[in-house]
Amino acid sequence: MTQAILINVTEEIVRGLVRFLLNGVEYQTFCNCELCEMNIIATALNNLPPKYVTSDITRAEAFKILKTPHNIEAVNKEIIHAIYHFPTEDSHLKERKG
């Protein structure tokens, strides 16, 4: 018997894109610590519809649907909006030092 799974495919896509964007040159001034990354992911996910699946087959189908240019554009928009809600690396470091 196969083990039951529950996966939010939207979350998988958002996590990957957030890591990619935060490590790119366009967003290098934004903090990419684990806490900020998770805050950005959570903020974006709260503004996107979830897509839960329960098998590898339905996961592959959901990825195909969610990776269309229109859907990726909507996901990127929410991620970029979320990135700007959190501090730049310099201001974040100042907050940590007090």
N, C-alpha and C. Protein backbone atom coordinates (compact mmCIF):
# COMPACT_ATOMS: atom_id res chain seq x y z
N MET A 1 0.84 -1.18 0.00
CA MET A 1 0.00 0.00 0.00
C MET A 1 0.89 1.25 0.00
N THR A 2 0.51 2.22 -0.79
CA THR A 2 1.26 3.48 -0.84
C THR A 2 0.88 4.34 0.36
N GLN A 3 1.87 5.09 0.81
CA GLN A 3 1.65 6.00 1.93
C GLN A 3 0.89 7.23 1.45
N ALA A 4 -0.09 7.64 2.22
CA ALA A 4 -0.86 8.83 1.88
C ALA A 4 0.01 10.07 2.04
N ILE A 5 -0.16 11.02 1.12
CA ILE A 5 0.56 12.28 1.18
C ILE A 5 -0.44 13.44 1.05
N LEU A 6 -0.03 14.57 1.51
CA LEU A 6 -0.82 15.78 1.34
C LEU A 6 0.17 16.90 1.03
N ILE A 7 0.11 17.42 -0.18
CA ILE A 7 1.09 18.42 -0.63
C ILE A 7 0.34 19.62 -1.20
N ASN A 8 0.80 20.81 -0.81
CA ASN A 8 0.31 22.05 -1.41
C ASN A 8 1.30 22.42 -2.51
N VAL A 9 0.92 22.18 -3.74
CA VAL A 9 1.81 22.42 -4.87
C VAL A 9 2.12 23.90 -5.01
N THR A 10 1.16 24.75 -4.70
CA THR A 10 1.42 26.19 -4.73
C THR A 10 2.57 26.53 -3.79
N GLU A 11 2.59 25.92 -2.62
CA GLU A 11 3.68 26.17 -1.66
C GLU A 11 5.03 25.74 -2.21
N GLU A 12 5.08 24.58 -2.85
CA GLU A 12 6.34 24.12 -3.44
C GLU A 12 6.87 25.11 -4.47
N ILE A 13 5.98 25.61 -5.30
CA ILE A 13 6.38 26.56 -6.34
C ILE A 13 6.84 27.87 -5.71
N VAL A 14 6.08 28.37 -4.74
CA VAL A 14 6.43 29.64 -4.08
C VAL A 14 7.78 29.52 -3.38
N ARG A 15 8.01 28.43 -2.66
CA ARG A 15 9.30 28.25 -1.96
C ARG A 15 10.47 28.33 -2.95
N GLY A 16 10.34 27.63 -4.06
CA GLY A 16 11.41 27.62 -5.05
C GLY A 16 11.65 28.99 -5.66
N LEU A 17 10.57 29.68 -6.00
CA LEU A 17 10.72 31.00 -6.61
C LEU A 17 11.25 32.03 -5.63
N VAL A 18 10.85 31.96 -4.37
CA VAL A 18 11.36 32.91 -3.38
C VAL A 18 12.86 32.73 -3.22
N ARG A 19 13.31 31.50 -3.09
CA ARG A 19 14.76 31.25 -2.97
C ARG A 19 15.50 31.77 -4.19
N PHE A 20 14.95 31.50 -5.37
CA PHE A 20 15.58 31.95 -6.61
C PHE A 20 15.66 33.47 -6.66
N LEU A 21 14.57 34.15 -6.35
CA LEU A 21 14.55 35.61 -6.42
C LEU A 21 15.46 36.24 -5.37
N LEU A 22 15.41 35.75 -4.14
CA LEU A 22 16.23 36.35 -3.08
C LEU A 22 17.72 36.16 -3.30
N ASN A 23 18.08 35.16 -4.07
CA ASN A 23 19.50 34.94 -4.36
C ASN A 23 19.94 35.58 -5.68
N GLY A 24 19.02 36.24 -6.36
CA GLY A 24 19.34 36.91 -7.61
C GLY A 24 19.81 38.34 -7.38
N VAL A 25 20.33 38.95 -8.43
CA VAL A 25 20.89 40.31 -8.32
C VAL A 25 19.83 41.38 -8.05
N GLU A 26 18.61 41.18 -8.53
CA GLU A 26 17.58 42.19 -8.36
C GLU A 26 17.19 42.41 -6.91
N TYR A 27 17.29 41.37 -6.09
CA TYR A 27 16.84 41.46 -4.71
C TYR A 27 17.97 41.22 -3.71
N GLN A 28 19.20 41.48 -4.12
CA GLN A 28 20.34 41.21 -3.25
C GLN A 28 20.40 42.12 -2.02
N THR A 29 19.71 43.25 -2.05
CA THR A 29 19.71 44.14 -0.89
C THR A 29 18.67 43.73 0.15
N PHE A 30 17.82 42.77 -0.18
CA PHE A 30 16.80 42.30 0.76
C PHE A 30 17.38 41.14 1.56
N CYS A 31 16.99 41.08 2.81
CA CYS A 31 17.48 40.02 3.68
C CYS A 31 16.96 38.67 3.19
N ASN A 32 17.85 37.68 3.14
CA ASN A 32 17.42 36.35 2.74
C ASN A 32 17.69 35.34 3.86
N CYS A 33 17.65 35.83 5.13
CA CYS A 33 17.79 34.91 6.25
C CYS A 33 16.55 34.00 6.27
N GLU A 34 16.64 32.93 7.03
CA GLU A 34 15.56 31.94 7.05
C GLU A 34 14.24 32.55 7.51
N LEU A 35 14.28 33.41 8.53
CA LEU A 35 13.06 34.02 9.04
C LEU A 35 12.40 34.91 7.99
N CYS A 36 13.18 35.76 7.35
CA CYS A 36 12.64 36.64 6.32
C CYS A 36 12.10 35.84 5.14
N GLU A 37 12.84 34.80 4.75
CA GLU A 37 12.39 33.95 3.65
C GLU A 37 11.04 33.31 3.98
N MET A 38 10.91 32.80 5.20
CA MET A 38 9.64 32.18 5.61
C MET A 38 8.51 33.21 5.68
N ASN A 39 8.83 34.42 6.15
CA ASN A 39 7.82 35.48 6.19
C ASN A 39 7.34 35.84 4.79
N ILE A 40 8.26 35.91 3.86
CA ILE A 40 7.90 36.22 2.47
C ILE A 40 7.05 35.10 1.89
N ILE A 41 7.44 33.86 2.12
CA ILE A 41 6.67 32.71 1.63
C ILE A 41 5.27 32.72 2.21
N ALA A 42 5.16 32.92 3.53
CA ALA A 42 3.85 32.93 4.18
C ALA A 42 2.96 34.04 3.65
N THR A 43 3.54 35.23 3.50
CA THR A 43 2.77 36.37 3.00
C THR A 43 2.26 36.11 1.59
N ALA A 44 3.12 35.60 0.73
CA ALA A 44 2.70 35.29 -0.64
C ALA A 44 1.63 34.20 -0.65
N LEU A 45 1.84 33.15 0.13
CA LEU A 45 0.86 32.05 0.15
C LEU A 45 -0.50 32.49 0.68
N ASN A 46 -0.51 33.42 1.61
CA ASN A 46 -1.78 33.92 2.14
C ASN A 46 -2.60 34.66 1.09
N ASN A 47 -1.95 35.05 -0.01
CA ASN A 47 -2.64 35.77 -1.08
C ASN A 47 -2.80 34.95 -2.35
N LEU A 48 -2.50 33.67 -2.27
CA LEU A 48 -2.63 32.78 -3.42
C LEU A 48 -3.53 31.60 -3.09
N PRO A 49 -4.26 31.10 -4.06
CA PRO A 49 -5.09 29.93 -3.77
C PRO A 49 -4.23 28.68 -3.62
N PRO A 50 -4.50 27.87 -2.59
CA PRO A 50 -3.73 26.63 -2.43
C PRO A 50 -4.16 25.60 -3.48
N LYS A 51 -3.26 24.69 -3.75
CA LYS A 51 -3.57 23.57 -4.65
C LYS A 51 -3.04 22.30 -3.99
N TYR A 52 -3.91 21.66 -3.20
CA TYR A 52 -3.51 20.45 -2.49
C TYR A 52 -3.73 19.22 -3.35
N VAL A 53 -2.81 18.29 -3.23
CA VAL A 53 -2.92 17.01 -3.94
C VAL A 53 -2.55 15.89 -2.97
N THR A 54 -2.91 14.66 -3.36
CA THR A 54 -2.68 13.52 -2.48
C THR A 54 -1.91 12.38 -3.14
N SER A 55 -1.35 12.64 -4.31
CA SER A 55 -0.54 11.61 -4.96
C SER A 55 0.48 12.26 -5.88
N ASP A 56 1.49 11.48 -6.24
CA ASP A 56 2.50 12.00 -7.17
C ASP A 56 1.90 12.29 -8.54
N ILE A 57 0.90 11.51 -8.95
CA ILE A 57 0.26 11.72 -10.25
C ILE A 57 -0.48 13.05 -10.26
N THR A 58 -1.28 13.30 -9.22
CA THR A 58 -2.02 14.56 -9.19
C THR A 58 -1.07 15.74 -8.95
N ARG A 59 0.06 15.48 -8.30
CA ARG A 59 1.07 16.53 -8.11
C ARG A 59 1.63 16.97 -9.46
N ALA A 60 1.97 16.01 -10.30
CA ALA A 60 2.50 16.32 -11.63
C ALA A 60 1.47 17.08 -12.46
N GLU A 61 0.22 16.68 -12.36
CA GLU A 61 -0.85 17.38 -13.10
C GLU A 61 -1.01 18.81 -12.59
N ALA A 62 -0.95 18.99 -11.27
CA ALA A 62 -1.09 20.32 -10.69
C ALA A 62 0.07 21.22 -11.09
N PHE A 63 1.29 20.67 -11.12
CA PHE A 63 2.45 21.45 -11.55
C PHE A 63 2.26 21.92 -12.99
N LYS A 64 1.77 21.05 -13.82
CA LYS A 64 1.55 21.42 -15.23
C LYS A 64 0.58 22.59 -15.33
N ILE A 65 -0.47 22.54 -14.55
CA ILE A 65 -1.48 23.61 -14.55
C ILE A 65 -0.91 24.90 -13.97
N LEU A 66 -0.21 24.78 -12.85
CA LEU A 66 0.28 25.97 -12.14
C LEU A 66 1.50 26.61 -12.80
N LYS A 67 2.18 25.90 -13.66
CA LYS A 67 3.38 26.47 -14.30
C LYS A 67 3.09 27.15 -15.64
N THR A 68 1.85 27.48 -15.89
CA THR A 68 1.53 28.23 -17.10
C THR A 68 2.03 29.67 -16.91
N PRO A 69 2.33 30.37 -18.00
CA PRO A 69 2.82 31.76 -17.87
C PRO A 69 1.88 32.65 -17.05
N HIS A 70 0.59 32.50 -17.24
CA HIS A 70 -0.38 33.32 -16.50
C HIS A 70 -0.28 33.06 -15.00
N ASN A 71 -0.22 31.80 -14.60
CA ASN A 71 -0.15 31.47 -13.17
C ASN A 71 1.19 31.87 -12.56
N ILE A 72 2.27 31.66 -13.28
CA ILE A 72 3.59 32.04 -12.77
C ILE A 72 3.67 33.56 -12.59
N GLU A 73 3.07 34.30 -13.51
CA GLU A 73 3.03 35.76 -13.39
C GLU A 73 2.29 36.18 -12.12
N ALA A 74 1.16 35.53 -11.84
CA ALA A 74 0.40 35.85 -10.63
C ALA A 74 1.19 35.50 -9.37
N VAL A 75 1.87 34.37 -9.38
CA VAL A 75 2.68 33.95 -8.23
C VAL A 75 3.84 34.93 -8.03
N ASN A 76 4.54 35.27 -9.10
CA ASN A 76 5.65 36.22 -9.01
C ASN A 76 5.18 37.57 -8.47
N LYS A 77 4.03 38.02 -8.89
CA LYS A 77 3.49 39.30 -8.42
C LYS A 77 3.31 39.27 -6.91
N GLU A 78 2.74 38.19 -6.39
CA GLU A 78 2.54 38.09 -4.94
C GLU A 78 3.85 37.98 -4.18
N ILE A 79 4.80 37.25 -4.75
CA ILE A 79 6.11 37.12 -4.10
C ILE A 79 6.83 38.47 -4.04
N ILE A 80 6.85 39.17 -5.15
CA ILE A 80 7.52 40.48 -5.19
C ILE A 80 6.86 41.45 -4.23
N HIS A 81 5.55 41.43 -4.19
CA HIS A 81 4.81 42.27 -3.24
C HIS A 81 5.22 41.92 -1.81
N ALA A 82 5.33 40.63 -1.52
CA ALA A 82 5.72 40.17 -0.18
C ALA A 82 7.16 40.56 0.15
N ILE A 83 8.06 40.46 -0.82
CA ILE A 83 9.46 40.82 -0.58
C ILE A 83 9.57 42.25 -0.08
N TYR A 84 8.78 43.15 -0.65
CA TYR A 84 8.87 44.56 -0.29
C TYR A 84 8.24 44.86 1.08
N HIS A 85 7.59 43.88 1.70
CA HIS A 85 7.04 44.07 3.03
C HIS A 85 8.08 43.83 4.12
N PHE A 86 9.21 43.29 3.75
CA PHE A 86 10.22 42.92 4.73
C PHE A 86 11.50 43.71 4.49
N PRO A 87 12.31 43.83 5.53
CA PRO A 87 13.43 44.78 5.47
C PRO A 87 14.54 44.37 4.51
N THR A 88 15.30 45.39 4.13
CA THR A 88 16.52 45.13 3.37
C THR A 88 17.52 44.50 4.32
N GLU A 89 18.55 43.92 3.77
CA GLU A 89 19.55 43.26 4.60
C GLU A 89 20.18 44.23 5.59
N ASP A 90 20.52 45.44 5.14
CA ASP A 90 21.16 46.42 6.02
C ASP A 90 20.27 46.81 7.19
N SER A 91 19.00 47.12 6.93
CA SER A 91 18.12 47.54 8.01
C SER A 91 17.81 46.36 8.93
N HIS A 92 17.75 45.18 8.39
CA HIS A 92 17.48 43.99 9.19
C HIS A 92 18.66 43.72 10.13
N LEU A 93 19.87 43.89 9.64
CA LEU A 93 21.05 43.68 10.47
C LEU A 93 21.10 44.72 11.59
N LYS A 94 20.69 45.95 11.30
CA LYS A 94 20.65 46.98 12.32
C LYS A 94 19.64 46.64 13.41
N GLU A 95 18.47 46.09 13.00
CA GLU A 95 17.46 45.68 13.96
C GLU A 95 18.00 44.61 14.89
N ARG A 96 18.75 43.67 14.36
CA ARG A 96 19.29 42.57 15.16
C ARG A 96 20.32 43.06 16.17
N LYS A 97 21.10 44.09 15.78
CA LYS A 97 22.14 44.61 16.67
C LYS A 97 21.54 45.51 17.75
N GLY A 98 20.32 45.98 17.50
CA GLY A 98 19.66 46.81 18.49
C GLY A 98 19.84 48.21 18.21
